[in-house]
Amino acid sequence: MSRRYGILAAALVVVAILLSLAGRLPRHDPDNTPPPPVLETRLELSYHDGGLDPERALVPKGSRVSITLVNREREPLSLALGGYQDRVHIEGLAPGATWRGWFVADLPGDDFAWIRDGRPVGMLRVTGSHLEEGHR
């Protein structure tokens, strides 16, 4: 009788080990599709005559926006992008100098102002839905 319990105990240990190993195998989740590739968008901006050129720009939501800004004024330039000022804030760009940076345009809307000295000098519109993909 004790031999049967020994075999049963050994069988339970083997099953436990197999279940533990099976739990560590990678799983395929058919509903978990990979995210779409990041869209690269380039903004070439020039600051002169007290404003940006182009004055209005348009980028798609979710894109990685690469910015090149040239200061064509005679004094240093400080500029921030309202709504994205935590990501795009340029301080003391010397006359004739070029600034390069990037950010992800993940906040849709048409009212993002480029701000210098508390006043808007240009606008950025981020196209796309406020809703997450797949939600209604």
N, C-alpha and C. Protein backbone atom coordinates (compact mmCIF):
# COMPACT_ATOMS: atom_id res chain seq x y z
N MET A 1 0.81 -1.18 0.00
CA MET A 1 0.00 0.00 0.00
C MET A 1 0.86 1.26 0.00
N SER A 2 1.97 1.28 0.75
CA SER A 2 2.82 2.46 0.81
C SER A 2 3.54 2.68 -0.51
N ARG A 3 3.72 1.57 -1.29
CA ARG A 3 4.36 1.71 -2.61
C ARG A 3 3.45 2.51 -3.55
N ARG A 4 2.14 2.28 -3.46
CA ARG A 4 1.20 3.03 -4.31
C ARG A 4 1.23 4.52 -3.97
N TYR A 5 1.30 4.84 -2.66
CA TYR A 5 1.38 6.24 -2.26
C TYR A 5 2.68 6.88 -2.75
N GLY A 6 3.74 6.14 -2.78
CA GLY A 6 5.02 6.65 -3.28
C GLY A 6 4.94 6.96 -4.76
N ILE A 7 4.30 6.07 -5.53
CA ILE A 7 4.13 6.31 -6.97
C ILE A 7 3.21 7.50 -7.20
N LEU A 8 2.13 7.57 -6.43
CA LEU A 8 1.20 8.69 -6.55
C LEU A 8 1.90 10.02 -6.21
N ALA A 9 2.70 10.05 -5.17
CA ALA A 9 3.43 11.26 -4.78
C ALA A 9 4.42 11.66 -5.87
N ALA A 10 5.12 10.70 -6.45
CA ALA A 10 6.08 10.98 -7.53
C ALA A 10 5.35 11.52 -8.75
N ALA A 11 4.20 10.94 -9.07
CA ALA A 11 3.41 11.40 -10.21
C ALA A 11 2.94 12.83 -9.99
N LEU A 12 2.51 13.16 -8.77
CA LEU A 12 2.07 14.52 -8.46
C LEU A 12 3.22 15.52 -8.59
N VAL A 13 4.42 15.14 -8.17
CA VAL A 13 5.58 16.02 -8.29
C VAL A 13 5.89 16.27 -9.77
N VAL A 14 5.84 15.24 -10.60
CA VAL A 14 6.10 15.38 -12.04
C VAL A 14 5.05 16.29 -12.68
N VAL A 15 3.77 16.10 -12.34
CA VAL A 15 2.71 16.95 -12.89
C VAL A 15 2.91 18.40 -12.44
N ALA A 16 3.26 18.62 -11.19
CA ALA A 16 3.48 19.98 -10.70
C ALA A 16 4.63 20.66 -11.45
N ILE A 17 5.70 19.91 -11.70
CA ILE A 17 6.84 20.46 -12.44
C ILE A 17 6.43 20.80 -13.87
N LEU A 18 5.68 19.92 -14.53
CA LEU A 18 5.24 20.17 -15.91
C LEU A 18 4.31 21.38 -15.97
N LEU A 19 3.39 21.51 -15.02
CA LEU A 19 2.49 22.67 -15.01
C LEU A 19 3.26 23.96 -14.77
N SER A 20 4.26 23.91 -13.91
CA SER A 20 5.08 25.09 -13.64
C SER A 20 5.83 25.52 -14.90
N LEU A 21 6.39 24.56 -15.63
CA LEU A 21 7.10 24.87 -16.87
C LEU A 21 6.15 25.38 -17.95
N ALA A 22 4.97 24.80 -18.04
CA ALA A 22 3.99 25.23 -19.04
C ALA A 22 3.53 26.66 -18.76
N GLY A 23 3.46 27.06 -17.50
CA GLY A 23 3.06 28.42 -17.15
C GLY A 23 4.07 29.46 -17.53
N ARG A 24 5.31 29.06 -17.74
CA ARG A 24 6.37 30.01 -18.12
C ARG A 24 6.56 30.16 -19.62
N LEU A 25 5.85 29.36 -20.40
CA LEU A 25 5.97 29.45 -21.85
C LEU A 25 5.36 30.76 -22.34
N PRO A 26 5.94 31.38 -23.38
CA PRO A 26 5.34 32.60 -23.93
C PRO A 26 3.97 32.30 -24.52
N ARG A 27 3.08 33.26 -24.34
CA ARG A 27 1.71 33.08 -24.84
C ARG A 27 1.50 33.98 -26.05
N HIS A 28 0.72 33.51 -26.96
CA HIS A 28 0.34 34.29 -28.14
C HIS A 28 -1.05 34.85 -27.90
N ASP A 29 -1.15 36.17 -27.91
CA ASP A 29 -2.43 36.83 -27.69
C ASP A 29 -2.88 37.42 -29.03
N PRO A 30 -3.85 36.79 -29.71
CA PRO A 30 -4.25 37.27 -31.04
C PRO A 30 -4.89 38.65 -31.01
N ASP A 31 -5.43 39.10 -29.87
CA ASP A 31 -6.06 40.42 -29.81
C ASP A 31 -5.05 41.53 -29.56
N ASN A 32 -3.84 41.18 -29.18
CA ASN A 32 -2.82 42.17 -28.87
C ASN A 32 -2.00 42.45 -30.13
N THR A 33 -2.49 43.33 -30.99
CA THR A 33 -1.78 43.67 -32.22
C THR A 33 -0.69 44.68 -31.91
N PRO A 34 0.41 44.64 -32.64
CA PRO A 34 1.49 45.60 -32.39
C PRO A 34 1.03 47.01 -32.71
N PRO A 35 1.62 48.01 -32.03
CA PRO A 35 1.23 49.39 -32.31
C PRO A 35 1.64 49.79 -33.72
N PRO A 36 0.94 50.74 -34.31
CA PRO A 36 1.31 51.18 -35.65
C PRO A 36 2.68 51.84 -35.63
N PRO A 37 3.38 51.82 -36.75
CA PRO A 37 4.70 52.46 -36.78
C PRO A 37 4.57 53.96 -36.52
N VAL A 38 5.58 54.53 -35.92
CA VAL A 38 5.57 55.96 -35.61
C VAL A 38 5.78 56.75 -36.90
N LEU A 39 4.90 57.71 -37.12
CA LEU A 39 5.00 58.56 -38.29
C LEU A 39 5.94 59.72 -37.98
N GLU A 40 6.94 59.91 -38.80
CA GLU A 40 7.88 61.01 -38.63
C GLU A 40 7.33 62.24 -39.38
N THR A 41 7.25 63.36 -38.69
CA THR A 41 6.81 64.62 -39.29
C THR A 41 7.88 65.67 -39.03
N ARG A 42 8.26 66.39 -40.06
CA ARG A 42 9.29 67.42 -39.94
C ARG A 42 8.65 68.81 -40.01
N LEU A 43 9.04 69.68 -39.08
CA LEU A 43 8.62 71.07 -39.10
C LEU A 43 9.86 71.94 -39.28
N GLU A 44 9.91 72.67 -40.36
CA GLU A 44 10.99 73.62 -40.62
C GLU A 44 10.42 74.99 -40.33
N LEU A 45 10.85 75.62 -39.24
CA LEU A 45 10.32 76.91 -38.82
C LEU A 45 11.41 77.98 -38.85
N SER A 46 11.01 79.17 -39.20
CA SER A 46 11.91 80.31 -39.20
C SER A 46 11.21 81.44 -38.46
N TYR A 47 11.92 82.09 -37.53
CA TYR A 47 11.34 83.20 -36.80
C TYR A 47 11.92 84.50 -37.33
N HIS A 48 11.06 85.36 -37.90
CA HIS A 48 11.50 86.67 -38.38
C HIS A 48 10.30 87.59 -38.44
N ASP A 49 10.56 88.88 -38.40
CA ASP A 49 9.51 89.92 -38.43
C ASP A 49 8.47 89.70 -37.33
N GLY A 50 8.90 89.17 -36.17
CA GLY A 50 8.01 89.03 -35.03
C GLY A 50 7.07 87.84 -35.08
N GLY A 51 7.30 86.89 -36.00
CA GLY A 51 6.42 85.73 -36.07
C GLY A 51 7.10 84.53 -36.70
N LEU A 52 6.39 83.43 -36.70
CA LEU A 52 6.91 82.19 -37.27
C LEU A 52 6.54 82.07 -38.74
N ASP A 53 7.37 81.41 -39.47
CA ASP A 53 7.10 81.08 -40.87
C ASP A 53 7.34 79.58 -41.02
N PRO A 54 6.35 78.79 -41.33
CA PRO A 54 4.95 79.16 -41.54
C PRO A 54 4.26 79.48 -40.22
N GLU A 55 3.26 80.35 -40.30
CA GLU A 55 2.52 80.78 -39.11
C GLU A 55 1.66 79.65 -38.56
N ARG A 56 1.14 78.80 -39.44
CA ARG A 56 0.30 77.68 -39.03
C ARG A 56 0.90 76.38 -39.57
N ALA A 57 0.90 75.36 -38.71
CA ALA A 57 1.42 74.05 -39.12
C ALA A 57 0.41 72.98 -38.68
N LEU A 58 0.46 71.86 -39.38
CA LEU A 58 -0.47 70.76 -39.15
C LEU A 58 0.31 69.47 -39.06
N VAL A 59 0.08 68.68 -37.99
CA VAL A 59 0.73 67.38 -37.84
C VAL A 59 -0.32 66.37 -37.39
N PRO A 60 -0.17 65.08 -37.77
CA PRO A 60 -1.12 64.07 -37.32
C PRO A 60 -0.84 63.62 -35.88
N LYS A 61 -1.92 63.33 -35.15
CA LYS A 61 -1.79 62.83 -33.78
C LYS A 61 -0.97 61.55 -33.77
N GLY A 62 -0.10 61.43 -32.78
CA GLY A 62 0.71 60.24 -32.63
C GLY A 62 2.03 60.30 -33.38
N SER A 63 2.24 61.35 -34.17
CA SER A 63 3.48 61.42 -34.93
C SER A 63 4.62 61.94 -34.07
N ARG A 64 5.81 61.52 -34.44
CA ARG A 64 7.04 62.04 -33.81
C ARG A 64 7.43 63.25 -34.64
N VAL A 65 7.34 64.43 -34.04
CA VAL A 65 7.55 65.67 -34.77
C VAL A 65 8.99 66.15 -34.55
N SER A 66 9.71 66.25 -35.63
CA SER A 66 11.08 66.76 -35.62
C SER A 66 11.02 68.24 -35.98
N ILE A 67 11.58 69.09 -35.12
CA ILE A 67 11.50 70.54 -35.31
C ILE A 67 12.90 71.10 -35.58
N THR A 68 12.97 71.94 -36.60
CA THR A 68 14.17 72.75 -36.85
C THR A 68 13.70 74.20 -36.84
N LEU A 69 14.25 74.99 -35.94
CA LEU A 69 13.87 76.40 -35.81
C LEU A 69 15.11 77.26 -36.00
N VAL A 70 15.00 78.24 -36.89
CA VAL A 70 16.09 79.19 -37.15
C VAL A 70 15.65 80.57 -36.67
N ASN A 71 16.48 81.22 -35.85
CA ASN A 71 16.19 82.57 -35.38
C ASN A 71 16.77 83.58 -36.36
N ARG A 72 15.92 84.26 -37.09
CA ARG A 72 16.36 85.25 -38.08
C ARG A 72 16.21 86.68 -37.54
N GLU A 73 15.98 86.82 -36.24
CA GLU A 73 15.86 88.13 -35.60
C GLU A 73 17.24 88.64 -35.19
N ARG A 74 17.31 89.84 -34.63
CA ARG A 74 18.57 90.43 -34.18
C ARG A 74 18.79 90.28 -32.68
N GLU A 75 17.86 89.61 -32.03
CA GLU A 75 18.00 89.39 -30.58
C GLU A 75 17.67 87.94 -30.25
N PRO A 76 18.09 87.47 -29.07
CA PRO A 76 17.82 86.08 -28.70
C PRO A 76 16.32 85.79 -28.66
N LEU A 77 16.00 84.54 -28.90
CA LEU A 77 14.60 84.10 -29.00
C LEU A 77 14.31 83.03 -27.96
N SER A 78 13.23 83.22 -27.21
CA SER A 78 12.70 82.20 -26.31
C SER A 78 11.28 81.90 -26.76
N LEU A 79 10.98 80.63 -26.91
CA LEU A 79 9.71 80.22 -27.50
C LEU A 79 9.23 78.94 -26.83
N ALA A 80 7.93 78.83 -26.60
CA ALA A 80 7.35 77.61 -26.02
C ALA A 80 6.11 77.24 -26.82
N LEU A 81 5.79 75.96 -26.85
CA LEU A 81 4.60 75.48 -27.53
C LEU A 81 3.55 75.19 -26.47
N GLY A 82 2.51 76.04 -26.39
CA GLY A 82 1.43 75.88 -25.41
C GLY A 82 0.80 74.50 -25.51
N GLY A 83 0.57 73.87 -24.37
CA GLY A 83 0.04 72.51 -24.33
C GLY A 83 1.13 71.46 -24.35
N TYR A 84 2.25 71.81 -24.93
CA TYR A 84 3.42 70.92 -24.99
C TYR A 84 4.65 71.60 -24.38
N GLN A 85 4.45 72.68 -23.60
CA GLN A 85 5.58 73.45 -23.08
C GLN A 85 6.50 72.63 -22.19
N ASP A 86 5.99 71.51 -21.65
CA ASP A 86 6.87 70.65 -20.87
C ASP A 86 7.83 69.87 -21.76
N ARG A 87 7.54 69.82 -23.07
CA ARG A 87 8.38 69.08 -24.02
C ARG A 87 9.09 69.99 -25.02
N VAL A 88 8.47 71.13 -25.34
CA VAL A 88 9.04 72.05 -26.34
C VAL A 88 9.12 73.44 -25.72
N HIS A 89 10.31 73.77 -25.25
CA HIS A 89 10.56 75.08 -24.64
C HIS A 89 11.99 75.47 -25.03
N ILE A 90 12.10 76.51 -25.80
CA ILE A 90 13.40 76.94 -26.33
C ILE A 90 13.79 78.24 -25.62
N GLU A 91 14.94 78.25 -25.00
CA GLU A 91 15.39 79.41 -24.23
C GLU A 91 16.64 80.03 -24.87
N GLY A 92 16.57 81.34 -25.11
CA GLY A 92 17.76 82.11 -25.50
C GLY A 92 18.45 81.66 -26.77
N LEU A 93 17.70 81.37 -27.82
CA LEU A 93 18.29 81.00 -29.11
C LEU A 93 18.91 82.25 -29.74
N ALA A 94 20.21 82.23 -29.91
CA ALA A 94 20.95 83.40 -30.41
C ALA A 94 20.53 83.76 -31.84
N PRO A 95 20.69 85.02 -32.21
CA PRO A 95 20.41 85.42 -33.58
C PRO A 95 21.22 84.61 -34.58
N GLY A 96 20.56 84.13 -35.61
CA GLY A 96 21.21 83.33 -36.65
C GLY A 96 21.40 81.87 -36.27
N ALA A 97 21.10 81.50 -35.03
CA ALA A 97 21.30 80.12 -34.57
C ALA A 97 20.12 79.22 -34.95
N THR A 98 20.39 77.92 -34.94
CA THR A 98 19.38 76.91 -35.26
C THR A 98 19.19 75.99 -34.06
N TRP A 99 17.94 75.71 -33.73
CA TRP A 99 17.59 74.77 -32.66
C TRP A 99 16.91 73.56 -33.28
N ARG A 100 17.28 72.36 -32.82
CA ARG A 100 16.65 71.13 -33.29
C ARG A 100 16.17 70.34 -32.09
N GLY A 101 14.97 69.77 -32.21
CA GLY A 101 14.40 68.95 -31.15
C GLY A 101 13.24 68.15 -31.70
N TRP A 102 12.60 67.38 -30.83
CA TRP A 102 11.46 66.58 -31.26
C TRP A 102 10.53 66.34 -30.08
N PHE A 103 9.29 65.99 -30.39
CA PHE A 103 8.31 65.59 -29.39
C PHE A 103 7.28 64.71 -30.07
N VAL A 104 6.49 64.00 -29.28
CA VAL A 104 5.41 63.17 -29.81
C VAL A 104 4.11 63.96 -29.68
N ALA A 105 3.43 64.15 -30.80
CA ALA A 105 2.18 64.91 -30.83
C ALA A 105 1.02 64.00 -30.43
N ASP A 106 0.84 63.82 -29.12
CA ASP A 106 -0.17 62.88 -28.64
C ASP A 106 -1.42 63.57 -28.10
N LEU A 107 -1.47 64.89 -28.17
CA LEU A 107 -2.63 65.65 -27.71
C LEU A 107 -3.30 66.30 -28.92
N PRO A 108 -4.44 65.78 -29.38
CA PRO A 108 -5.08 66.38 -30.56
C PRO A 108 -5.74 67.71 -30.23
N GLY A 109 -5.79 68.58 -31.21
CA GLY A 109 -6.44 69.88 -31.06
C GLY A 109 -5.89 70.88 -32.05
N ASP A 110 -6.59 71.99 -32.20
CA ASP A 110 -6.15 72.99 -33.17
C ASP A 110 -5.77 74.30 -32.51
N ASP A 111 -5.53 74.28 -31.23
CA ASP A 111 -5.27 75.52 -30.53
C ASP A 111 -3.95 75.53 -29.76
N PHE A 112 -2.92 74.91 -30.30
CA PHE A 112 -1.62 74.92 -29.65
C PHE A 112 -0.82 76.09 -30.21
N ALA A 113 -0.59 77.08 -29.35
CA ALA A 113 0.06 78.32 -29.81
C ALA A 113 1.55 78.28 -29.49
N TRP A 114 2.35 78.76 -30.44
CA TRP A 114 3.76 79.04 -30.18
C TRP A 114 3.76 80.39 -29.47
N ILE A 115 4.36 80.45 -28.27
CA ILE A 115 4.25 81.63 -27.44
C ILE A 115 5.62 82.26 -27.22
N ARG A 116 5.68 83.57 -27.47
CA ARG A 116 6.88 84.37 -27.18
C ARG A 116 6.45 85.58 -26.37
N ASP A 117 7.06 85.77 -25.23
CA ASP A 117 6.75 86.91 -24.35
C ASP A 117 5.25 87.00 -24.05
N GLY A 118 4.61 85.87 -23.83
CA GLY A 118 3.20 85.84 -23.44
C GLY A 118 2.20 86.03 -24.57
N ARG A 119 2.67 86.12 -25.80
CA ARG A 119 1.72 86.30 -26.91
C ARG A 119 1.95 85.24 -27.98
N PRO A 120 0.87 84.81 -28.63
CA PRO A 120 1.02 83.80 -29.68
C PRO A 120 1.67 84.38 -30.93
N VAL A 121 2.61 83.62 -31.51
CA VAL A 121 3.29 84.06 -32.73
C VAL A 121 3.12 83.03 -33.85
N GLY A 122 2.37 81.97 -33.57
CA GLY A 122 2.11 80.92 -34.55
C GLY A 122 1.22 79.87 -33.92
N MET A 123 0.69 78.97 -34.75
CA MET A 123 -0.22 77.94 -34.25
C MET A 123 0.17 76.57 -34.78
N LEU A 124 -0.10 75.56 -33.97
CA LEU A 124 0.10 74.17 -34.37
C LEU A 124 -1.22 73.44 -34.19
N ARG A 125 -1.63 72.72 -35.21
CA ARG A 125 -2.83 71.90 -35.13
C ARG A 125 -2.41 70.44 -35.19
N VAL A 126 -2.93 69.64 -34.25
CA VAL A 126 -2.66 68.21 -34.21
C VAL A 126 -3.96 67.51 -34.57
N THR A 127 -3.99 66.89 -35.75
CA THR A 127 -5.21 66.25 -36.23
C THR A 127 -5.36 64.85 -35.66
N GLY A 128 -6.58 64.43 -35.49
CA GLY A 128 -6.86 63.09 -34.98
C GLY A 128 -7.92 63.15 -33.92
N SER A 129 -8.39 61.99 -33.52
CA SER A 129 -9.48 61.88 -32.57
C SER A 129 -8.98 62.01 -31.14
N HIS A 130 -9.85 62.53 -30.27
CA HIS A 130 -9.57 62.57 -28.84
C HIS A 130 -9.75 61.20 -28.22
N LEU A 131 -10.48 60.32 -28.93
CA LEU A 131 -10.75 58.97 -28.42
C LEU A 131 -9.60 58.04 -28.75
N GLU A 132 -9.36 57.09 -27.87
CA GLU A 132 -8.35 56.06 -28.13
C GLU A 132 -8.88 55.16 -29.24
N GLU A 133 -7.99 54.63 -30.03
CA GLU A 133 -8.35 53.72 -31.11
C GLU A 133 -9.13 52.53 -30.55
N GLY A 134 -10.27 52.24 -31.15
CA GLY A 134 -11.08 51.10 -30.73
C GLY A 134 -12.16 51.47 -29.74
N HIS A 135 -12.11 52.67 -29.14
CA HIS A 135 -13.15 53.10 -28.21
C HIS A 135 -14.13 54.00 -28.92
N ARG A 136 -15.37 53.98 -28.48
CA ARG A 136 -16.40 54.83 -29.10
C ARG A 136 -16.99 55.77 -28.08
